Amino acid sequence: MIWLISIGIGLVSGLLMGILGMGGGIFITPALIYLAGFSQKLAVGTTLAVLLPPIGIAAVMEYYKSGNVDFRVAIVIAMMAIIGGWIGAHIANQTDTKILKIIFGTFLILIGTYMIAEAK
């Protein structure tokens, strides 16, 4: 059963990445928690393992062909994300799971509210 859930999560996250440029923490992490029964920390670690390889390469190439990729900015963000990811993982492993869920949910609500308000 976990394999079918994993296939579904992968397909939906790939679609979200290609369409919206997101799908990692916003979709994969909660899907692993609520559909696959993973703990918060196991879901985050697994999500990071998914995102580590260049899974979005096909989408990046399609956007690049249309002139919609700034590789200079992407490289800087990726380099800083490596540092931030290491620091964040250290902090997360020292933080209670309930607190992590509250932080994650609050972040999603704030970002979603801002995007909806700005679109109107």
Protein backbone atom coordinates (compact mmCIF):
# COMPACT_ATOMS: atom_id res chain seq x y z
CA MET A 1 0.00 0.00 0.00
CA ILE A 2 2.84 2.40 0.80
CA TRP A 3 4.08 2.01 -2.78
CA LEU A 4 0.74 3.09 -4.27
CA ILE A 5 0.62 6.06 -1.89
CA SER A 6 4.20 6.93 -2.84
CA ILE A 7 3.39 6.77 -6.56
CA GLY A 8 0.41 9.09 -6.06
CA ILE A 9 2.39 11.54 -3.95
CA GLY A 10 5.16 11.58 -6.55
CA LEU A 11 2.84 12.20 -9.47
CA VAL A 12 0.91 14.98 -7.74
CA SER A 13 4.06 16.67 -6.44
CA GLY A 14 5.60 16.54 -9.91
CA LEU A 15 2.50 18.16 -11.39
CA LEU A 16 2.56 20.85 -8.71
CA MET A 17 6.27 21.50 -9.33
CA GLY A 18 5.73 21.82 -13.06
CA ILE A 19 2.68 24.06 -12.76
CA LEU A 20 3.34 26.11 -9.62
CA GLY A 21 7.04 25.66 -8.89
CA MET A 22 6.27 23.98 -5.58
CA GLY A 23 5.44 20.56 -4.29
CA GLY A 24 8.17 19.62 -1.84
CA GLY A 25 7.45 20.68 1.69
CA ILE A 26 4.06 22.10 0.82
CA PHE A 27 2.67 18.84 -0.57
CA ILE A 28 5.02 15.91 0.01
CA THR A 29 5.58 16.46 3.72
CA PRO A 30 1.89 16.67 4.71
CA ALA A 31 1.00 13.83 2.32
CA LEU A 32 3.58 11.57 3.96
CA ILE A 33 2.24 12.46 7.40
CA TYR A 34 -1.47 12.11 6.69
CA LEU A 35 -1.56 9.51 3.91
CA ALA A 36 1.46 7.34 4.73
CA GLY A 37 1.45 7.74 8.53
CA PHE A 38 4.99 9.13 8.76
CA SER A 39 6.11 11.17 11.76
CA GLN A 40 6.81 14.86 11.12
CA LYS A 41 10.57 14.34 11.22
CA LEU A 42 10.50 11.21 9.03
CA ALA A 43 8.32 13.05 6.51
CA VAL A 44 10.68 16.03 6.36
CA GLY A 45 13.76 13.84 6.02
CA THR A 46 12.12 11.78 3.28
CA THR A 47 10.98 14.93 1.46
CA LEU A 48 14.54 16.26 1.51
CA ALA A 49 15.78 12.95 0.09
CA VAL A 50 13.25 13.32 -2.75
CA LEU A 51 14.26 16.89 -3.52
CA LEU A 52 18.00 16.31 -3.35
CA PRO A 53 18.37 14.85 -6.83
CA PRO A 54 17.42 17.04 -9.77
CA ILE A 55 13.88 15.68 -10.10
CA GLY A 56 12.58 18.90 -11.59
CA ILE A 57 15.09 18.94 -14.45
CA ALA A 58 12.48 18.38 -17.18
CA ALA A 59 10.35 21.25 -15.90
CA VAL A 60 13.42 23.50 -15.57
CA MET A 61 14.44 22.79 -19.17
CA GLU A 62 10.95 23.61 -20.43
CA TYR A 63 10.92 26.91 -18.54
CA TYR A 64 14.48 27.63 -19.73
CA LYS A 65 13.47 27.15 -23.38
CA SER A 66 10.90 29.91 -22.85
CA GLY A 67 13.47 32.21 -21.22
CA ASN A 68 11.94 31.82 -17.76
CA VAL A 69 14.91 30.70 -15.67
CA ASP A 70 17.56 32.89 -14.04
CA PHE A 71 20.35 30.41 -13.29
CA ARG A 72 22.48 33.00 -11.47
CA VAL A 73 19.75 33.59 -8.92
CA ALA A 74 18.95 29.87 -8.75
CA ILE A 75 22.59 29.02 -7.95
CA VAL A 76 22.80 31.60 -5.16
CA ILE A 77 19.52 30.40 -3.65
CA ALA A 78 20.64 26.75 -3.90
CA MET A 79 23.97 27.51 -2.21
CA MET A 80 22.29 29.38 0.62
CA ALA A 81 19.62 26.67 0.90
CA ILE A 82 22.39 24.15 1.58
CA ILE A 83 23.57 26.21 4.55
CA GLY A 84 20.03 26.99 5.71
CA GLY A 85 19.00 23.36 5.32
CA TRP A 86 21.84 22.17 7.52
CA ILE A 87 21.04 24.73 10.23
CA GLY A 88 17.29 24.06 9.96
CA ALA A 89 17.73 20.29 10.21
CA HIS A 90 19.84 20.72 13.32
CA ILE A 91 17.20 22.95 14.91
CA ALA A 92 14.32 20.66 13.85
CA ASN A 93 15.96 17.59 15.34
CA GLN A 94 16.17 19.44 18.68
CA THR A 95 12.54 20.69 18.55
CA ASP A 96 9.40 18.90 19.74
CA THR A 97 7.31 17.44 16.90
CA LYS A 98 4.16 19.29 18.02
CA ILE A 99 5.97 22.61 17.79
CA LEU A 100 7.21 21.75 14.29
CA LYS A 101 3.65 20.99 13.15
CA ILE A 102 2.42 24.31 14.54
CA ILE A 103 5.23 26.22 12.81
CA PHE A 104 4.63 24.41 9.50
CA GLY A 105 0.86 24.93 9.56
CA THR A 106 1.20 28.59 10.53
CA PHE A 107 3.67 29.18 7.71
CA LEU A 108 1.29 27.66 5.15
CA ILE A 109 -1.63 29.75 6.42
CA LEU A 110 0.38 32.98 6.34
CA ILE A 111 1.77 32.39 2.84
CA GLY A 112 -1.63 31.31 1.51
CA THR A 113 -3.41 34.29 3.05
CA TYR A 114 -0.84 36.71 1.65
CA MET A 115 -1.05 35.22 -1.85
CA ILE A 116 -4.86 35.30 -1.88
CA ALA A 117 -4.96 38.89 -0.58
CA GLU A 118 -2.37 40.06 -3.08
CA ALA A 119 -4.20 38.41 -5.99
CA LYS A 120 -7.40 40.33 -5.19
